[in-house]
Amino acid sequence: MSDEWLALMAVQLAMHVPKMASDEGVIDAAKKAIGEALLATKEAVGEVTLTVKREQIVNVLKALRDTPGLEYQQLMEMAGVDYPDRPERFEVAYHLLSLTKNRRIRVKVSTDEATPVPSVTSLWPVAGWLEREVYDMYGVTFAGNPDLRRLLTDYGFEGYPQRKDFPLTGHVELRYSETEKRVVYEPVSLPQDFRTFDFLMPWEGPEYRLPGDEKATGEEPGAPSPAPAPAAPQLKSETKAKVAKTTGGPPETGGGPPETGGGAPADKAAKKEARSRAKKAEQEVGKKPRGKKP
C-alpha cells in the first residue's frame, strides 16, 4: 500500500474530530472585555485561567459569554478550593465552555468565611445547583441564590467536609432507627485503621507482618504462636543417682527395646489369641452355606 493512500486514509479517519479554536489572543480579548475587574492571568498546559474581583464576577462572566470572539456560552462546573494559610482562604472556580469555538476557560475569585460571592444564577440557572454544592462542602455563601441549602450532606450535618481543618474523627452519623421510628444520631464507629494510616509504601515504611509470617521464624517459649519446645536440661550426677535408686536402675537412654505395658508374657498371650481368631475366621469362610433338603 502506497504512502499516498495511507495519508489519505488518515485524513479521512480524522474528519470526525471536532476542530478546536486556538487560545491565542484569548487573554488579550479578555483583558479588553473585562477591564479593571481582571486581577491576574495564567496560561499553562493548554489552559487559560483568569483571576478576577469577587464583586465583579457576574459582569465578568457575562462579558465572557456575550463578547464576540470569546463566546463562552455554557457554565460547565463550579469548584471550591481551600487554602487555610491565606487571608481569603477559599477560591471559587468557574469552568466555561465555548460551543462555537470548542474551547474552555477557567475564572477564579477569592473569598473568606464571612464574605458572600455574588450568585450567577441570573446568567445560568444551573448555577443554583453548583453553588449549593460549594456551600455544602466549604461553607462559601452566595448572595442572590434563591435556594441556598445543603445538598450532599445529611440533615442537620455540622461542619463543612472539604475544608482542610475539618476533623476526621469525633463526629456523629445519622441513620433511621426502626425501633424508635425516627432519625437518630450516633457516634461514628470506624472498625478499620483508616484514620491512623501512616501513608507509607510497604517497601518504604515499617515492616508489616501478615498472618502466617510468624511460622517462618521460631519464637521464644511462651509466645502465642507455635514454637519449638526448649531442649530438656541435662540431669546432674546427683539427680541420676537418685533416679537410679528409686527405679531400681539407671533411666532408660536407648540401646534396646524398653519394657513397657504388660511385658513379654502379655505379648505372647496376645499373639496366641490373634492366631486363634484368624484360624477360626478361615474355617467359617470355608464352610458351605446350609440349605433345606429338596
Protein backbone atom coordinates (compact mmCIF):
# COMPACT_ATOMS: atom_id res chain seq x y z
CA MET A 1 0.00 0.00 0.00
CA SER A 2 1.46 3.36 -1.06
CA ASP A 3 2.27 6.22 1.28
CA GLU A 4 -0.19 8.48 -0.52
CA TRP A 5 -3.04 6.04 0.17
CA LEU A 6 -2.12 5.79 3.85
CA ALA A 7 -2.05 9.59 4.17
CA LEU A 8 -5.45 9.83 2.50
CA MET A 9 -6.91 7.25 4.93
CA ALA A 10 -5.51 9.15 7.92
CA VAL A 11 -7.15 12.35 6.75
CA GLN A 12 -10.47 10.60 6.22
CA LEU A 13 -10.36 8.98 9.66
CA ALA A 14 -9.63 12.34 11.31
CA MET A 15 -12.60 14.09 9.72
CA HIS A 16 -14.88 13.25 12.66
CA VAL A 17 -12.62 15.00 15.21
CA PRO A 18 -14.17 18.42 16.05
CA LYS A 19 -11.99 21.40 15.37
CA MET A 20 -10.84 23.43 18.37
CA ALA A 21 -10.06 27.10 18.18
CA SER A 22 -6.67 28.13 19.47
CA ASP A 23 -6.35 30.02 22.76
CA GLU A 24 -4.10 32.52 21.05
CA GLY A 25 -5.43 36.02 21.66
CA VAL A 26 -7.94 34.92 24.32
CA ILE A 27 -6.13 36.68 27.18
CA ASP A 28 -5.86 39.95 25.24
CA ALA A 29 -9.53 39.78 24.28
CA ALA A 30 -10.49 39.02 27.89
CA LYS A 31 -8.46 41.96 29.20
CA LYS A 32 -10.25 44.27 26.76
CA ALA A 33 -13.71 42.89 27.64
CA ILE A 34 -13.24 42.67 31.42
CA GLY A 35 -11.16 45.76 32.07
CA GLU A 36 -10.17 46.60 35.65
CA ALA A 37 -12.00 43.57 37.06
CA LEU A 38 -9.14 41.35 35.86
CA LEU A 39 -6.50 40.74 38.56
CA ALA A 40 -4.23 38.07 37.07
CA THR A 41 -3.92 35.74 34.08
CA LYS A 42 -2.22 32.39 33.63
CA GLU A 43 -1.79 30.05 30.68
CA ALA A 44 -0.33 26.59 31.35
CA VAL A 45 -0.70 23.10 29.83
CA GLY A 46 -3.10 24.45 27.24
CA GLU A 47 -5.48 26.07 29.78
CA VAL A 48 -6.28 29.73 30.36
CA THR A 49 -7.09 30.89 33.90
CA LEU A 50 -8.35 34.33 34.83
CA THR A 51 -8.42 35.67 38.40
CA VAL A 52 -10.97 38.45 38.79
CA LYS A 53 -12.51 40.61 41.50
CA ARG A 54 -15.14 38.85 43.58
CA GLU A 55 -17.76 41.61 43.43
CA GLN A 56 -17.47 41.79 39.60
CA ILE A 57 -17.91 38.06 38.90
CA VAL A 58 -21.38 38.48 37.33
CA ASN A 59 -20.22 41.18 34.92
CA VAL A 60 -17.06 39.24 34.08
CA LEU A 61 -18.88 36.02 33.20
CA LYS A 62 -21.48 37.93 31.23
CA ALA A 63 -18.72 39.62 29.20
CA LEU A 64 -17.05 36.28 28.51
CA ARG A 65 -20.38 34.86 27.37
CA ASP A 66 -21.59 37.70 25.15
CA THR A 67 -18.39 39.22 23.71
CA PRO A 68 -17.85 38.22 20.04
CA GLY A 69 -14.68 36.21 19.67
CA LEU A 70 -14.88 34.84 23.24
CA GLU A 71 -18.39 33.36 23.29
CA TYR A 72 -18.16 31.08 26.35
CA GLN A 73 -21.84 30.19 26.38
CA GLN A 74 -22.04 27.40 28.98
CA LEU A 75 -21.17 27.10 32.66
CA MET A 76 -19.96 23.52 32.93
CA GLU A 77 -18.79 23.30 36.54
CA MET A 78 -18.04 25.16 39.74
CA ALA A 79 -15.48 24.04 42.31
CA GLY A 80 -14.17 25.21 45.66
CA VAL A 81 -10.58 25.17 46.91
CA ASP A 82 -9.39 25.75 50.49
CA TYR A 83 -6.08 27.44 51.34
CA PRO A 84 -6.17 27.85 55.15
CA ASP A 85 -2.98 29.96 55.26
CA ARG A 86 -4.40 32.73 53.07
CA PRO A 87 -6.38 35.70 54.44
CA GLU A 88 -9.10 34.84 51.90
CA ARG A 89 -8.81 31.10 52.25
CA PHE A 90 -11.39 30.00 49.67
CA GLU A 91 -11.27 30.08 45.89
CA VAL A 92 -14.33 29.52 43.71
CA ALA A 93 -13.51 28.36 40.17
CA TYR A 94 -15.94 28.69 37.27
CA HIS A 95 -15.35 26.46 34.23
CA LEU A 96 -16.82 27.81 30.99
CA LEU A 97 -17.21 26.15 27.57
CA SER A 98 -17.49 27.83 24.18
CA LEU A 99 -19.75 25.82 21.90
CA THR A 100 -18.89 27.83 18.78
CA LYS A 101 -15.11 27.77 19.36
CA ASN A 102 -14.90 24.41 21.20
CA ARG A 103 -12.54 25.62 23.89
CA ARG A 104 -12.64 26.18 27.64
CA ILE A 105 -11.58 28.80 30.17
CA ARG A 106 -11.34 28.96 33.98
CA VAL A 107 -12.31 32.00 36.07
CA LYS A 108 -11.43 32.25 39.78
CA VAL A 109 -12.43 34.51 42.67
CA SER A 110 -11.31 34.55 46.31
CA THR A 111 -13.33 34.96 49.48
CA ASP A 112 -13.33 34.20 53.19
CA GLU A 113 -15.75 32.55 55.59
CA ALA A 114 -17.92 35.65 56.10
CA THR A 115 -17.95 37.41 52.71
CA PRO A 116 -20.50 36.07 50.21
CA VAL A 117 -19.86 35.67 46.48
CA PRO A 118 -22.46 37.15 44.09
CA SER A 119 -24.62 34.41 42.60
CA VAL A 120 -24.58 33.87 38.84
CA THR A 121 -27.99 32.18 38.68
CA SER A 122 -29.22 35.14 36.64
CA LEU A 123 -26.82 34.10 33.85
CA TRP A 124 -27.14 30.30 34.14
CA PRO A 125 -29.93 28.73 36.22
CA VAL A 126 -27.79 25.60 36.63
CA ALA A 127 -25.50 27.67 38.86
CA GLY A 128 -28.05 27.34 41.66
CA TRP A 129 -27.26 23.63 42.00
CA LEU A 130 -23.49 24.13 41.65
CA GLU A 131 -23.41 26.95 44.22
CA ARG A 132 -25.24 24.74 46.69
CA GLU A 133 -22.52 22.08 46.32
CA VAL A 134 -19.75 24.60 47.06
CA TYR A 135 -21.73 25.95 50.00
CA ASP A 136 -22.32 22.48 51.41
CA MET A 137 -18.67 21.37 51.13
CA TYR A 138 -16.84 24.61 52.01
CA GLY A 139 -19.35 26.94 53.66
CA VAL A 140 -18.97 29.64 50.98
CA THR A 141 -22.19 31.64 50.74
CA PHE A 142 -23.62 33.10 47.52
CA ALA A 143 -25.60 36.32 47.68
CA GLY A 144 -28.68 36.18 45.47
CA ASN A 145 -29.07 32.40 45.33
CA PRO A 146 -32.82 31.80 45.81
CA ASP A 147 -32.42 28.32 47.36
CA LEU A 148 -29.09 28.12 49.18
CA ARG A 149 -29.47 24.90 51.16
CA ARG A 150 -27.17 21.99 51.90
CA LEU A 151 -27.21 19.45 49.11
CA LEU A 152 -24.87 16.49 49.68
CA THR A 153 -24.70 16.03 53.46
CA ASP A 154 -27.34 14.73 55.87
CA TYR A 155 -29.99 16.83 57.55
CA GLY A 156 -28.51 18.70 60.50
CA PHE A 157 -24.91 17.95 59.45
CA GLU A 158 -22.40 20.14 61.29
CA GLY A 159 -19.26 21.48 59.63
CA TYR A 160 -18.01 21.50 56.04
CA PRO A 161 -16.32 18.27 54.96
CA GLN A 162 -13.97 19.63 52.25
CA ARG A 163 -12.28 22.20 54.47
CA LYS A 164 -8.68 21.34 55.30
CA ASP A 165 -9.32 21.82 59.04
CA PHE A 166 -12.38 19.56 59.15
CA PRO A 167 -11.71 16.87 61.81
CA LEU A 168 -11.75 13.28 60.63
CA THR A 169 -12.93 11.81 63.95
CA GLY A 170 -15.28 12.79 66.73
CA HIS A 171 -18.37 13.45 64.64
CA VAL A 172 -21.73 11.71 64.62
CA GLU A 173 -23.52 9.83 61.87
CA LEU A 174 -27.20 9.82 61.08
CA ARG A 175 -29.48 6.85 60.42
CA TYR A 176 -33.15 5.91 60.61
CA SER A 177 -33.94 3.74 63.62
CA GLU A 178 -36.61 1.10 63.07
CA THR A 179 -37.06 0.64 66.81
CA GLU A 180 -37.57 4.33 67.56
CA LYS A 181 -39.23 5.12 64.19
CA ARG A 182 -37.22 8.31 63.76
CA VAL A 183 -33.87 9.68 62.63
CA VAL A 184 -31.16 9.26 65.29
CA TYR A 185 -27.57 10.45 65.63
CA GLU A 186 -24.82 8.14 66.84
CA PRO A 187 -21.05 8.47 67.24
CA VAL A 188 -19.09 7.42 64.16
CA SER A 189 -17.56 3.97 64.55
CA LEU A 190 -14.62 3.03 62.30
CA PRO A 191 -13.71 -0.66 62.63
CA GLN A 192 -10.68 -0.38 60.33
CA ASP A 193 -7.50 1.61 60.97
CA PHE A 194 -8.29 4.11 58.24
CA ARG A 195 -7.87 7.24 60.31
CA THR A 196 -4.41 6.29 61.59
CA PHE A 197 -2.93 5.16 58.27
CA ASP A 198 0.79 6.01 58.06
CA PHE A 199 0.74 6.87 54.32
CA LEU A 200 3.94 4.89 53.72
CA MET A 201 4.51 2.38 50.98
CA PRO A 202 5.05 -1.24 52.10
CA TRP A 203 8.57 -1.22 50.64
CA GLU A 204 9.47 2.14 52.19
CA GLY A 205 7.65 2.11 55.50
CA PRO A 206 7.75 -0.13 58.57
CA GLU A 207 7.89 -3.90 58.36
CA TYR A 208 4.35 -5.23 58.06
CA ARG A 209 3.77 -8.74 59.46
CA LEU A 210 0.95 -10.60 57.77
CA PRO A 211 -0.93 -13.56 59.33
CA GLY A 212 1.29 -16.60 58.99
CA ASP A 213 4.64 -14.77 58.98
CA GLU A 214 5.32 -15.97 62.49
CA LYS A 215 5.75 -19.53 61.17
CA ALA A 216 8.87 -18.57 59.22
CA THR A 217 10.94 -17.92 62.35
CA GLY A 218 10.89 -19.57 65.74
CA GLU A 219 9.67 -17.56 68.71
CA GLU A 220 10.52 -17.50 72.35
CA PRO A 221 8.93 -20.12 74.64
CA GLY A 222 5.56 -18.98 75.84
CA ALA A 223 4.70 -16.99 72.70
CA PRO A 224 1.12 -17.28 71.43
CA SER A 225 2.22 -18.87 68.14
CA PRO A 226 3.59 -22.44 67.99
CA ALA A 227 7.33 -22.64 68.58
CA PRO A 228 9.78 -25.50 69.16
CA ALA A 229 9.91 -26.54 72.78
CA PRO A 230 13.20 -25.83 74.53
CA ALA A 231 15.59 -28.76 74.99
CA ALA A 232 15.41 -30.62 78.30
CA PRO A 233 18.25 -29.74 80.64
CA GLN A 234 20.88 -32.38 81.35
CA LEU A 235 20.50 -34.14 84.68
CA LYS A 236 23.30 -33.76 87.12
CA SER A 237 25.14 -36.79 88.51
CA GLU A 238 23.42 -36.47 91.90
CA THR A 239 19.98 -36.44 90.23
CA LYS A 240 20.89 -39.52 88.14
CA ALA A 241 21.86 -41.41 91.30
CA LYS A 242 18.53 -40.56 92.96
CA VAL A 243 16.57 -41.72 89.89
CA ALA A 244 18.51 -44.97 89.71
CA LYS A 245 17.93 -45.68 93.41
CA THR A 246 14.17 -45.01 93.07
CA THR A 247 13.55 -47.07 89.90
CA GLY A 248 15.99 -49.83 90.60
CA GLY A 249 18.38 -48.97 87.81
CA PRO A 250 19.58 -46.20 85.54
CA PRO A 251 16.99 -44.34 83.49
CA GLU A 252 16.28 -45.66 80.04
CA THR A 253 18.52 -43.91 77.50
CA GLY A 254 18.10 -46.14 74.45
CA GLY A 255 20.08 -49.09 73.15
CA GLY A 256 17.27 -51.65 73.40
CA PRO A 257 13.52 -52.02 73.45
CA PRO A 258 12.09 -50.60 76.65
CA GLU A 259 9.95 -52.80 78.84
CA THR A 260 6.51 -51.24 78.69
CA GLY A 261 2.98 -52.47 79.16
CA GLY A 262 2.43 -55.99 80.38
CA GLY A 263 5.85 -57.31 79.30
CA ALA A 264 6.77 -60.42 77.29
CA PRO A 265 4.13 -62.83 78.77
CA ALA A 266 1.32 -60.49 77.82
CA ASP A 267 2.70 -60.10 74.28
CA LYS A 268 2.89 -63.91 73.87
CA ALA A 269 -0.71 -64.38 75.02
CA ALA A 270 -1.93 -61.67 72.68
CA LYS A 271 -0.19 -63.28 69.69
CA LYS A 272 -1.71 -66.69 70.54
CA GLU A 273 -5.20 -65.22 70.79
CA ALA A 274 -4.79 -63.37 67.47
CA ARG A 275 -3.73 -66.57 65.68
CA SER A 276 -6.71 -68.45 67.12
CA ARG A 277 -9.13 -65.79 65.88
CA ALA A 278 -7.58 -65.81 62.41
CA LYS A 279 -7.82 -69.64 62.16
CA LYS A 280 -11.43 -69.60 63.29
CA ALA A 281 -12.26 -66.95 60.68
CA GLU A 282 -10.74 -69.09 57.90
CA GLN A 283 -12.83 -72.08 58.98
CA GLU A 284 -16.01 -70.04 58.91
CA VAL A 285 -15.28 -68.77 55.39
CA GLY A 286 -14.59 -72.33 54.10
CA LYS A 287 -17.93 -73.76 55.30
CA LYS A 288 -20.69 -74.30 52.75
CA PRO A 289 -23.96 -72.46 53.32
CA ARG A 290 -26.68 -74.59 54.84
CA GLY A 291 -29.87 -75.07 52.86
CA LYS A 292 -33.10 -77.04 53.01
CA LYS A 293 -33.23 -80.53 51.57
CA PRO A 294 -35.23 -80.87 48.35
